[in-house]
Each structure stands twice: as C-alpha cells, then as structure tokens.
Protein backbone atom coordinates (compact mmCIF):
# COMPACT_ATOMS: atom_id res chain seq x y z
CA MET A 1 18.32 -20.10 11.84
CA PRO A 2 17.98 -23.51 9.98
CA LEU A 3 15.83 -23.87 6.96
CA LEU A 4 12.43 -24.13 8.81
CA ASN A 5 9.24 -26.17 7.99
CA LEU A 6 11.57 -28.49 5.53
CA ARG A 7 9.96 -31.51 5.06
CA ASP A 8 9.57 -34.53 2.32
CA VAL A 9 5.58 -34.60 1.54
CA ALA A 10 6.09 -38.38 1.20
CA GLU A 11 7.12 -38.72 4.75
CA GLY A 12 6.38 -35.76 6.84
CA ALA A 13 2.44 -37.01 6.90
CA GLY A 14 2.60 -40.39 5.43
CA THR A 15 1.43 -39.60 1.94
CA PRO A 16 1.43 -42.58 -0.28
CA VAL A 17 3.67 -40.52 -2.56
CA ARG A 18 7.44 -41.33 -3.39
CA SER A 19 10.17 -40.22 -1.28
CA GLY A 20 12.56 -37.54 -2.28
CA MET A 21 10.25 -36.10 -5.11
CA LEU A 22 8.34 -33.26 -3.49
CA LEU A 23 9.74 -31.12 -0.70
CA ARG A 24 8.26 -28.19 1.10
CA SER A 25 9.73 -25.64 3.32
CA ALA A 26 9.70 -22.04 4.62
CA GLN A 27 11.91 -19.38 3.10
CA PRO A 28 15.47 -19.56 3.55
CA HIS A 29 17.08 -17.50 6.23
CA ARG A 30 20.90 -17.20 5.51
CA LEU A 31 21.17 -20.81 4.11
CA THR A 32 24.07 -22.75 5.35
CA ALA A 33 25.77 -25.77 4.23
CA ALA A 34 24.02 -27.56 7.25
CA ASP A 35 20.75 -26.93 5.32
CA THR A 36 22.03 -28.13 2.06
CA ASP A 37 22.94 -31.57 4.06
CA ARG A 38 19.49 -31.91 5.39
CA LEU A 39 18.11 -31.31 1.83
CA ALA A 40 20.52 -33.84 0.66
CA ASP A 41 19.28 -36.43 2.93
CA LEU A 42 15.89 -35.95 2.03
CA LEU A 43 16.89 -36.35 -1.66
CA GLY A 44 18.57 -39.61 -0.96
CA GLY A 45 21.82 -38.07 -0.64
CA GLN A 46 22.11 -36.43 -3.88
CA LEU A 47 21.47 -32.70 -3.81
CA GLU A 48 22.32 -32.40 -7.32
CA GLY A 49 19.06 -34.52 -7.80
CA LEU A 50 16.98 -31.32 -6.87
CA ARG A 51 15.79 -29.89 -10.09
CA LEU A 52 13.74 -26.92 -9.12
CA VAL A 53 13.11 -24.72 -6.49
CA ALA A 54 9.28 -23.24 -6.86
CA ASP A 55 9.64 -19.72 -4.97
CA LEU A 56 6.00 -18.66 -4.38
CA ARG A 57 6.82 -15.32 -2.64
CA SER A 58 5.93 -11.91 -3.98
CA GLU A 59 8.52 -9.35 -5.07
CA ALA A 60 8.13 -7.58 -1.70
CA GLU A 61 9.08 -10.74 0.41
CA LEU A 62 12.49 -11.63 -1.83
CA ALA A 63 15.72 -11.03 0.17
CA GLY A 64 18.22 -11.05 -2.50
CA ASP A 65 19.93 -14.31 -3.67
CA ASP A 66 18.88 -16.40 -0.70
CA TRP A 67 19.30 -19.89 -2.52
CA THR A 68 22.89 -19.21 -4.09
CA LEU A 69 24.27 -22.46 -2.31
CA LEU A 70 21.78 -24.23 -4.61
CA THR A 71 21.95 -22.17 -7.89
CA ASP A 72 25.52 -22.76 -7.66
CA LEU A 73 25.22 -26.27 -8.08
CA GLY A 74 22.85 -25.83 -10.91
CA VAL A 75 19.36 -26.10 -9.30
CA ARG A 76 17.05 -23.75 -10.81
CA VAL A 77 15.18 -21.31 -8.63
CA THR A 78 12.10 -19.85 -10.34
CA ARG A 79 10.23 -17.02 -8.78
CA LEU A 80 6.34 -17.43 -9.23
CA GLY A 81 4.83 -15.09 -6.80
CA THR A 82 4.33 -12.59 -9.56
CA SER A 83 1.20 -10.99 -10.82
CA GLY A 84 -1.74 -13.08 -10.56
CA SER A 85 -0.73 -14.80 -7.48
CA PRO A 86 -2.91 -14.98 -4.19
CA ALA A 87 -0.88 -11.89 -2.89
CA ASP A 88 -2.64 -9.67 -5.38
CA LEU A 89 -6.04 -10.08 -3.70
CA SER A 90 -6.39 -6.78 -2.61
CA ALA A 91 -9.49 -6.72 -0.22
CA LEU A 92 -10.89 -9.24 2.33
CA PRO A 93 -14.52 -9.70 3.30
CA PRO A 94 -15.26 -8.42 6.83
CA GLY A 95 -14.73 -11.31 9.28
CA ILE A 96 -13.40 -13.78 7.02
CA ASN A 97 -11.69 -17.09 8.69
CA LEU A 98 -8.65 -18.76 7.08
CA GLY A 99 -10.50 -21.63 5.38
CA ASP A 100 -12.74 -19.11 3.68
CA LEU A 101 -9.77 -16.94 2.54
CA TYR A 102 -8.30 -20.25 1.07
CA VAL A 103 -11.59 -20.85 -0.79
CA LEU A 104 -11.38 -17.27 -2.17
CA MET A 105 -7.75 -17.81 -3.19
CA LEU A 106 -8.99 -20.80 -4.89
CA ASP A 107 -11.87 -19.33 -6.93
CA HIS A 108 -10.02 -16.20 -7.76
CA ARG A 109 -6.12 -17.31 -8.43
CA THR A 110 -7.12 -20.50 -10.08
CA ALA A 111 -5.04 -19.84 -12.94
CA TRP A 112 -1.95 -18.95 -11.01
CA PHE A 113 -2.43 -22.37 -9.10
CA ALA A 114 -2.49 -24.11 -12.41
CA SER A 115 0.56 -22.54 -13.70
CA VAL A 116 2.45 -23.39 -10.46
CA VAL A 117 1.66 -26.98 -10.38
CA ALA A 118 2.58 -27.06 -14.07
CA GLU A 119 5.99 -25.66 -13.38
CA ILE A 120 6.36 -28.39 -10.50
CA ALA A 121 5.23 -31.27 -12.80
CA ASP A 122 7.87 -30.11 -15.32
CA GLY A 123 10.54 -29.75 -12.37
CA LEU A 124 10.39 -32.86 -10.25
CA PRO A 125 12.29 -33.44 -7.90
CA ALA A 126 11.19 -30.09 -6.51
CA LEU A 127 11.26 -27.93 -3.37
CA VAL A 128 8.01 -25.46 -3.30
CA HIS A 129 7.96 -22.71 -0.51
CA CYS A 130 6.58 -19.34 0.21
CA ALA A 131 7.71 -17.29 3.30
CA ALA A 132 6.22 -19.57 6.06
CA GLY A 133 5.51 -22.49 3.93
CA LYS A 134 2.00 -22.52 5.14
CA ASP A 135 -0.86 -20.74 3.31
CA ARG A 136 0.61 -20.85 -0.50
CA THR A 137 2.71 -23.77 -0.31
CA GLY A 138 0.04 -25.49 1.85
CA LEU A 139 -2.55 -25.12 -0.85
CA VAL A 140 -0.06 -25.97 -3.91
CA VAL A 141 0.89 -29.06 -2.13
CA ALA A 142 -2.71 -29.94 -1.24
CA LEU A 143 -3.73 -29.34 -4.95
CA ILE A 144 -1.14 -31.72 -6.07
CA LEU A 145 -1.79 -34.37 -3.93
CA ASP A 146 -5.61 -34.37 -4.64
CA LEU A 147 -4.58 -34.30 -8.41
CA VAL A 148 -2.64 -37.68 -7.71
CA GLY A 149 -5.18 -39.09 -5.76
CA VAL A 150 -3.80 -39.02 -2.06
CA ASP A 151 -6.51 -39.29 0.47
CA HIS A 152 -7.70 -36.04 2.04
CA GLU A 153 -6.99 -37.31 5.68
CA ALA A 154 -3.15 -37.40 4.40
CA ILE A 155 -3.54 -34.04 2.80
CA VAL A 156 -4.72 -32.44 6.20
CA ARG A 157 -1.97 -34.27 8.12
CA ASP A 158 0.69 -32.79 5.75
CA TYR A 159 -0.86 -29.33 6.09
CA ALA A 160 -1.14 -29.52 10.08
CA ALA A 161 2.52 -30.57 10.35
CA THR A 162 3.35 -27.07 9.87
CA VAL A 163 1.95 -26.19 13.38
CA THR A 164 5.17 -27.64 15.25
CA HIS A 165 6.99 -25.14 13.40
CA LEU A 166 5.33 -22.10 13.63
CA PRO A 167 6.84 -20.56 16.74
CA GLN A 168 10.22 -20.54 15.00
CA ILE A 169 8.88 -19.42 12.02
CA MET A 170 7.34 -16.42 13.67
CA THR A 171 10.31 -15.72 15.19
CA MET A 172 12.25 -15.86 11.97
CA LEU A 173 9.78 -13.46 10.46
CA GLY A 174 9.97 -11.18 13.35
CA LEU A 175 6.11 -11.72 14.07
CA THR A 176 6.45 -12.82 17.79
CA THR A 177 5.98 -9.61 19.55
CA PRO A 178 2.94 -7.23 18.13
CA PRO A 179 4.27 -3.82 17.36
CA PRO A 180 2.64 -0.86 19.20
CA ALA A 181 0.09 0.91 17.39
CA ALA A 182 -0.38 -1.26 14.55
CA SER A 183 -2.88 0.19 11.91
CA PRO A 184 -6.19 -2.02 11.63
CA LEU A 185 -6.58 -3.92 8.44
CA ALA A 186 -9.07 -2.02 6.12
CA VAL A 187 -11.89 -4.27 4.84
CA PRO A 188 -14.29 -3.49 2.20
CA SER A 189 -18.30 -3.19 2.86
CA PRO A 190 -20.20 -6.28 2.27
CA ALA A 191 -21.18 -4.77 -1.47
CA ALA A 192 -17.50 -4.22 -2.28
CA SER A 193 -15.75 -6.80 -4.65
CA PRO A 194 -13.07 -8.93 -2.65
CA LEU A 195 -11.06 -8.50 -5.74
CA ALA A 196 -10.99 -4.66 -5.56
CA THR A 197 -7.71 -3.21 -7.55
CA PRO A 198 -5.02 -1.49 -5.16
CA PRO A 199 -4.15 -0.99 -2.67
CA PRO A 200 -2.98 -4.52 -2.45
CA VAL A 201 -3.02 -6.54 0.66
CA ALA A 202 -1.17 -9.61 0.82
CA LEU A 203 -2.75 -12.95 1.94
CA SER A 204 -0.23 -14.36 4.22
CA PRO A 205 1.36 -12.60 7.17
CA VAL A 206 4.76 -12.99 6.01
CA ALA A 207 3.95 -11.13 2.62
CA LEU A 208 3.68 -8.07 4.87
CA SER A 209 5.81 -6.07 7.17
CA PRO A 210 5.67 -7.18 10.60
CA ALA A 211 3.34 -4.33 11.48
CA ALA A 212 0.72 -4.88 9.11
CA SER A 213 0.76 -8.85 9.29
CA VAL A 214 -0.20 -8.40 12.82
CA SER A 215 -3.11 -6.24 11.74
CA VAL A 216 -4.30 -8.64 8.91
CA ALA A 217 -4.14 -11.64 11.40
CA GLY A 218 -6.57 -9.48 13.45
CA ALA A 219 -8.90 -9.32 10.47
CA VAL A 220 -8.56 -13.01 9.45
CA SER A 221 -9.15 -15.73 12.14
CA GLY A 222 -6.54 -18.33 11.97
CA LEU A 223 -3.92 -16.54 10.04
CA LEU A 224 -1.00 -16.94 12.06
CA ASP A 225 -2.11 -20.57 12.87
CA ALA A 226 -2.50 -23.69 10.57
CA PRO A 227 -5.85 -25.16 12.00
CA GLU A 228 -6.97 -28.40 10.22
CA THR A 229 -10.57 -26.62 9.95
CA ALA A 230 -8.94 -24.08 7.36
CA ILE A 231 -7.54 -27.01 5.50
CA ARG A 232 -10.77 -29.21 5.56
CA THR A 233 -12.81 -26.02 4.20
CA PHE A 234 -10.43 -25.94 1.30
CA LEU A 235 -10.64 -29.27 0.49
CA THR A 236 -14.47 -29.27 0.49
CA ALA A 237 -14.62 -26.37 -1.63
CA LEU A 238 -12.36 -28.15 -3.89
CA ASP A 239 -14.39 -31.47 -4.26
CA ALA A 240 -17.58 -29.17 -4.86
CA ARG A 241 -15.70 -27.95 -7.85
CA GLY A 242 -14.58 -31.30 -9.37
CA GLY A 243 -11.44 -31.87 -7.76
CA ALA A 244 -7.89 -30.42 -8.60
CA GLU A 245 -7.67 -32.18 -12.01
CA ARG A 246 -11.13 -30.73 -13.25
CA LEU A 247 -10.30 -27.57 -11.72
CA LEU A 248 -6.46 -26.96 -12.90
CA THR A 249 -7.01 -28.26 -16.27
CA ALA A 250 -10.08 -25.82 -16.99
CA HIS A 251 -7.07 -23.05 -16.17
CA GLY A 252 -4.13 -23.94 -18.11
CA LEU A 253 -2.73 -27.35 -16.95
CA THR A 254 -2.32 -30.07 -19.15
CA GLU A 255 -3.12 -33.61 -19.47
CA GLY A 256 0.55 -34.10 -20.09
CA HIS A 257 1.34 -32.36 -16.94
CA VAL A 258 -1.27 -34.56 -14.58
CA GLN A 259 0.31 -37.77 -16.12
CA ARG A 260 4.02 -36.56 -15.33
CA LEU A 261 3.02 -35.72 -11.90
CA ARG A 262 1.27 -39.12 -11.48
CA ALA A 263 4.27 -41.13 -12.81
CA ALA A 264 6.74 -39.41 -10.74
CA LEU A 265 4.78 -39.20 -7.31
CA VAL A 266 2.64 -42.33 -7.46
CA GLY A 267 3.63 -44.53 -10.42
C-alpha cells in the first residue's frame, strides 16, 4: 500500500507557503521505492533535500524501522510521540466531540506541541506524520500555519483534504470492520479530571488496537472522520488564547524558531 495522505502543505490546500518545505502523511506501510519517488517529486526532485521526518506516533504504534529507505539516505527520523504527547491523555469527558477533544489536547499538551513545532522549525524541509496523518499531524500543521500567518480558511482546507484518504487509511489500519464484542470506552464522571493518570487512552484511533479504536470512536463523535467543524472549533479556541505564536512561545518555542519558520515557509 502506498504512503497514504501524502501531500505538500503548500499545494494540497492552496496555502501560501513555499512548496517542498513542509510535507505531511500517514504512517508508512511497507515503504517502497515508488513512495520515495513520490516524496522526491514533492521536494523538487531531490529526496536528499528532506532533512527531517517528525514521527508523532507513540511507542505502542511504532512498527520497527519503517523509514529505513529514508534513513539509509541520511534523512533524520525523530520520534516525538513520547511522554507528554496527546496520546498520554488518559480519560475523556463523556459525550465529547472531536473539536472539543482537539481543544482539550491544545490546553493540556501545549508544551508537547511547542516542542514538535520547534523540532520542525530546526529541520525544514520536513515531513510530519502520526498514524493516520489526521489528528496530531493536523493540529501540528494547523499551529505552524497559524504561526506564519496563513488564513484560517486555508488551514481548514488543508485539514479537510484528509477526508478523501480516509477509506484507504482505515483499511491500512484495520479499522474498516468493527470487531465483535468491542469493549466500550470507560469515561469519567463529570467530576473526574480529564487528565487522570493511568490507564492511558490514546486520542487517535490509530494509537490503539483496532478493537479499542472502534470503542473510542463510539465515545468521541467524528473520531474516524475529518469534519471541518472540528478544526474550526480548534482554531476558534486558538484565537481565544492569543494565537499560536503567543501560546507556543509561552511553552518553550523561541522567537528564533518563529523567525526560522516564517523565513522558510513564507519569506
């Protein structure tokens, strides 16, 4: 199966950023030479120009050295889905929808988002991905685009472009047919903290086993989709917090990172 949900953020949704600088995708699945050829095309024919793969998957999601074809060429793959990532959020308020879940991630994992954006700022041209390339990847890209002044409608278009890839992504992740007797997601009472300690419940269907993923999807409206309403809710919350620059620089992103992103992406 080819590398899914692969696109240049500059071209996929008409964002006014430079081509060949920021790519996004789902996780690799038996990466082939054809995949690396597609990557090279997005990089202006020079695969060696790719400096960083920012892998946002948790340890539980990793599938060995699945970027070997790139690391053999000297591309740096950095695993960023460690402690402090959105996958560590362990309990969800009852009846939460995907947009509100994104806001929860923004508020409680701000330092992680800041660290990922900083890594990308220091590693452009870069490819960022999680498992589906939808939730964690979508929010990181949205933050970067807001940071460099991209209009929110273009950010929405970039996020929503994942929709056409979802059927193949769900097949790749084994989520097309709900397994029998899937256990329902345990959610806290309204008084419980949304950041309770263990047991961990990942926030993306792809961070879980297929059985658990379908169960989580039943508790979070829109989790197996990429609805525009979800990213609009996120962007509204981001505005209310002063925008990406103000929020992320308060949690570890430096002005140097901001300047490097703007110089590389929009000049």
